[in-house]
C-alpha atoms as a PDB file:
ATOM      1  CA  MET A   1      97.324  73.094 130.538  1.00  0.00           C
ATOM      2  CA  GLU A   2      97.808  76.608 131.782  1.00  0.00           C
ATOM      3  CA  LEU A   3      94.928  75.895 134.140  1.00  0.00           C
ATOM      4  CA  VAL A   4      96.984  73.173 135.838  1.00  0.00           C
ATOM      5  CA  ILE A   5      99.863  75.607 136.240  1.00  0.00           C
ATOM      6  CA  ASP A   6      97.489  78.194 137.710  1.00  0.00           C
ATOM      7  CA  LEU A   7      96.083  75.587 140.094  1.00  0.00           C
ATOM      8  CA  LEU A   8      99.570  74.542 141.211  1.00  0.00           C
ATOM      9  CA  GLN A   9     100.491  78.186 141.784  1.00  0.00           C
ATOM     10  CA  GLN A  10      97.317  78.674 143.836  1.00  0.00           C
ATOM     11  CA  LYS A  11      98.151  75.591 145.853  1.00  0.00           C
ATOM     12  CA  ASN A  12     101.662  76.876 146.557  1.00  0.00           C
ATOM     13  CA  ASN A  13     100.210  80.235 147.596  1.00  0.00           C
ATOM     14  CA  TYR A  14      97.896  78.496 150.065  1.00  0.00           C
ATOM     15  CA  LEU A  15     100.825  76.465 151.359  1.00  0.00           C
ATOM     16  CA  LEU A  16     102.815  79.674 151.854  1.00  0.00           C
ATOM     17  CA  GLN A  17      99.897  81.132 153.851  1.00  0.00           C
ATOM     18  CA  PHE A  18      99.810  77.921 155.855  1.00  0.00           C
ATOM     19  CA  GLU A  19     103.556  78.181 156.501  1.00  0.00           C
ATOM     20  CA  LYS A  20     103.343  81.844 157.503  1.00  0.00           C
ATOM     21  CA  MET A  21     100.511  81.103 159.903  1.00  0.00           C
ATOM     22  CA  GLY A  22     102.537  78.261 161.426  1.00  0.00           C
ATOM     23  CA  SER A  23     105.517  80.554 161.856  1.00  0.00           C
ATOM     24  CA  PHE A  24     103.416  83.101 163.747  1.00  0.00           C
ATOM     25  CA  GLU A  25     101.939  80.372 165.925  1.00  0.00           C
ATOM     26  CA  CYS A  26     105.396  78.990 166.731  1.00  0.00           C
ATOM     27  CA  GLN A  27     106.442  82.476 167.845  1.00  0.00           C
ATOM     28  CA  ARG A  28     103.379  82.756 170.096  1.00  0.00           C
ATOM     29  CA  LEU A  29     103.902  79.332 171.607  1.00  0.00           C
ATOM     30  CA  ARG A  30     107.585  80.071 172.180  1.00  0.00           C
ATOM     31  CA  THR A  31     106.513  82.977 174.417  1.00  0.00           C
ATOM     32  CA  GLY A  32     103.966  80.826 176.242  1.00  0.00           C
ATOM     33  CA  ASP A  33     100.914  82.300 174.494  1.00  0.00           C
ATOM     34  CA  TYR A  34      98.520  79.424 173.825  1.00  0.00           C
ATOM     35  CA  SER A  35      95.433  81.633 173.525  1.00  0.00           C
ATOM     36  CA  HIS A  36      95.186  81.434 169.721  1.00  0.00           C
ATOM     37  CA  ILE A  37      95.670  77.692 169.261  1.00  0.00           C
ATOM     38  CA  GLU A  38      92.012  76.911 168.487  1.00  0.00           C
ATOM     39  CA  GLN A  39      91.792  79.716 165.934  1.00  0.00           C
ATOM     40  CA  PHE A  40      95.080  78.527 164.466  1.00  0.00           C
ATOM     41  CA  TYR A  41      93.743  75.017 163.891  1.00  0.00           C
ATOM     42  CA  TYR A  42      90.448  76.355 162.552  1.00  0.00           C
ATOM     43  CA  SER A  43      92.263  78.606 160.061  1.00  0.00           C
ATOM     44  CA  ARG A  44      94.541  75.752 159.036  1.00  0.00           C
ATOM     45  CA  GLN A  45      91.534  73.586 158.284  1.00  0.00           C
ATOM     46  CA  ILE A  46      90.072  76.249 156.006  1.00  0.00           C
ATOM     47  CA  ILE A  47      93.334  76.353 154.052  1.00  0.00           C
ATOM     48  CA  LEU A  48      93.518  72.546 153.926  1.00  0.00           C
ATOM     49  CA  ASP A  49      89.973  72.417 152.540  1.00  0.00           C
ATOM     50  CA  ALA A  50      90.909  74.915 149.816  1.00  0.00           C
ATOM     51  CA  ILE A  51      94.001  72.870 148.950  1.00  0.00           C
ATOM     52  CA  GLU A  52      91.909  69.711 148.790  1.00  0.00           C
ATOM     53  CA  ASN A  53      89.544  71.371 146.314  1.00  0.00           C
ATOM     54  CA  ILE A  54      92.502  72.393 144.164  1.00  0.00           C
ATOM     55  CA  ASP A  55      93.884  68.842 144.311  1.00  0.00           C
ATOM     56  CA  ILE A  56      90.554  67.477 143.095  1.00  0.00           C
ATOM     57  CA  GLN A  57      90.719  69.780 140.081  1.00  0.00           C
ATOM     58  CA  ILE A  58      94.352  68.872 139.377  1.00  0.00           C
ATOM     59  CA  ARG A  59      93.606  65.133 139.493  1.00  0.00           C
ATOM     60  CA  SER A  60      91.198  65.540 136.598  1.00  0.00           C
ATOM     61  CA  TYR A  61      94.227  65.976 134.321  1.00  0.00           C
ATOM     62  CA  THR A  62      96.429  63.139 133.150  1.00  0.00           C
ATOM     63  CA  PRO A  63     100.189  63.335 132.585  1.00  0.00           C
ATOM     64  CA  GLN A  64      99.566  62.738 128.889  1.00  0.00           C
ATOM     65  CA  GLN A  65      97.715  66.049 128.741  1.00  0.00           C
ATOM     66  CA  ILE A  66     100.809  67.960 129.851  1.00  0.00           C
ATOM     67  CA  SER A  67     102.829  69.398 127.021  1.00  0.00           C
ATOM     68  CA  LYS A  68     106.619  69.250 127.054  1.00  0.00           C
ATOM     69  CA  GLU A  69     106.807  73.026 127.232  1.00  0.00           C
ATOM     70  CA  HIS A  70     104.797  73.051 130.466  1.00  0.00           C
ATOM     71  CA  LYS A  71     106.568  70.132 132.148  1.00  0.00           C
ATOM     72  CA  GLU A  72     109.522  72.226 133.364  1.00  0.00           C
ATOM     73  CA  THR A  73     107.226  74.846 134.873  1.00  0.00           C
ATOM     74  CA  ILE A  74     105.170  72.163 136.577  1.00  0.00           C
ATOM     75  CA  LYS A  75     108.317  70.444 137.826  1.00  0.00           C
ATOM     76  CA  ALA A  76     109.528  73.732 139.352  1.00  0.00           C
ATOM     77  CA  LEU A  77     106.154  74.254 141.032  1.00  0.00           C
ATOM     78  CA  PHE A  78     106.319  70.757 142.529  1.00  0.00           C
ATOM     79  CA  GLN A  79     109.836  71.418 143.817  1.00  0.00           C
ATOM     80  CA  LYS A  80     108.639  74.629 145.456  1.00  0.00           C
ATOM     81  CA  LYS A  81     105.716  72.731 146.981  1.00  0.00           C
ATOM     82  CA  ARG A  82     108.109  70.140 148.415  1.00  0.00           C
ATOM     83  CA  ALA A  83     110.251  72.833 150.032  1.00  0.00           C
ATOM     84  CA  ILE A  84     107.243  74.581 151.572  1.00  0.00           C
ATOM     85  CA  THR A  85     105.798  71.280 152.790  1.00  0.00           C
ATOM     86  CA  LYS A  86     109.102  70.360 154.416  1.00  0.00           C
ATOM     87  CA  SER A  87     109.064  73.653 156.314  1.00  0.00           C
ATOM     88  CA  ILE A  88     105.441  73.103 157.371  1.00  0.00           C
ATOM     89  CA  LEU A  89     106.271  69.622 158.673  1.00  0.00           C
ATOM     90  CA  GLN A  90     109.108  71.055 160.753  1.00  0.00           C
ATOM     91  CA  GLN A  91     106.734  73.677 162.149  1.00  0.00           C
ATOM     92  CA  ASP A  92     104.202  70.975 162.999  1.00  0.00           C
ATOM     93  CA  ILE A  93     106.845  69.079 164.943  1.00  0.00           C
ATOM     94  CA  THR A  94     107.724  72.259 166.832  1.00  0.00           C
ATOM     95  CA  ILE A  95     104.074  73.062 167.587  1.00  0.00           C
ATOM     96  CA  HIS A  96     103.457  69.488 168.699  1.00  0.00           C
ATOM     97  CA  SER A  97     106.456  69.741 171.012  1.00  0.00           C
ATOM     98  CA  TYR A  98     105.162  72.955 172.600  1.00  0.00           C
ATOM     99  CA  LEU A  99     101.727  71.403 173.126  1.00  0.00           C
ATOM    100  CA  ASN A 100     103.227  68.236 174.617  1.00  0.00           C
ATOM    101  CA  ASN A 101     105.298  70.333 177.009  1.00  0.00           C
ATOM    102  CA  LEU A 102     102.195  72.285 178.022  1.00  0.00           C
ATOM    103  CA  GLN A 103     100.298  69.058 178.605  1.00  0.00           C
ATOM    104  CA  TYR A 104     103.163  67.709 180.708  1.00  0.00           C
ATOM    105  CA  ASP A 105     103.267  70.917 182.764  1.00  0.00           C
ATOM    106  CA  VAL A 106      99.509  70.820 183.371  1.00  0.00           C
ATOM    107  CA  VAL A 107      99.608  67.182 184.486  1.00  0.00           C
ATOM    108  CA  GLU A 108     102.622  67.878 186.686  1.00  0.00           C
ATOM    109  CA  ASP A 109     100.858  70.859 188.310  1.00  0.00           C
ATOM    110  CA  GLN A 110      97.745  68.773 188.986  1.00  0.00           C
ATOM    111  CA  THR A 111      99.685  65.958 190.618  1.00  0.00           C
ATOM    112  CA  ALA A 112     101.854  68.242 192.757  1.00  0.00           C
END
């Protein structure tokens, strides 16, 4: 069962990297720097692929295999994951907003 805990910790670490990367990208976009957006999405995909592989390993365990002593640790890891994911979703909304504004500006410039 310690393997599941290790996998959940790895997943949270990847999510923290994902969140940090999103924070940097939001800062760039805020200043009008869109030059790293493709690399940003490429890097995100690499992290998402790693998380997917971890999820596949986690799904091989059933709740019945989790001991009572590990349930609290696992619960705490899931709560941390939820908090990180919430932050990532907010970042995604912000990034999407910046990209929509850029698209609007480009279309407006072309029609002017």
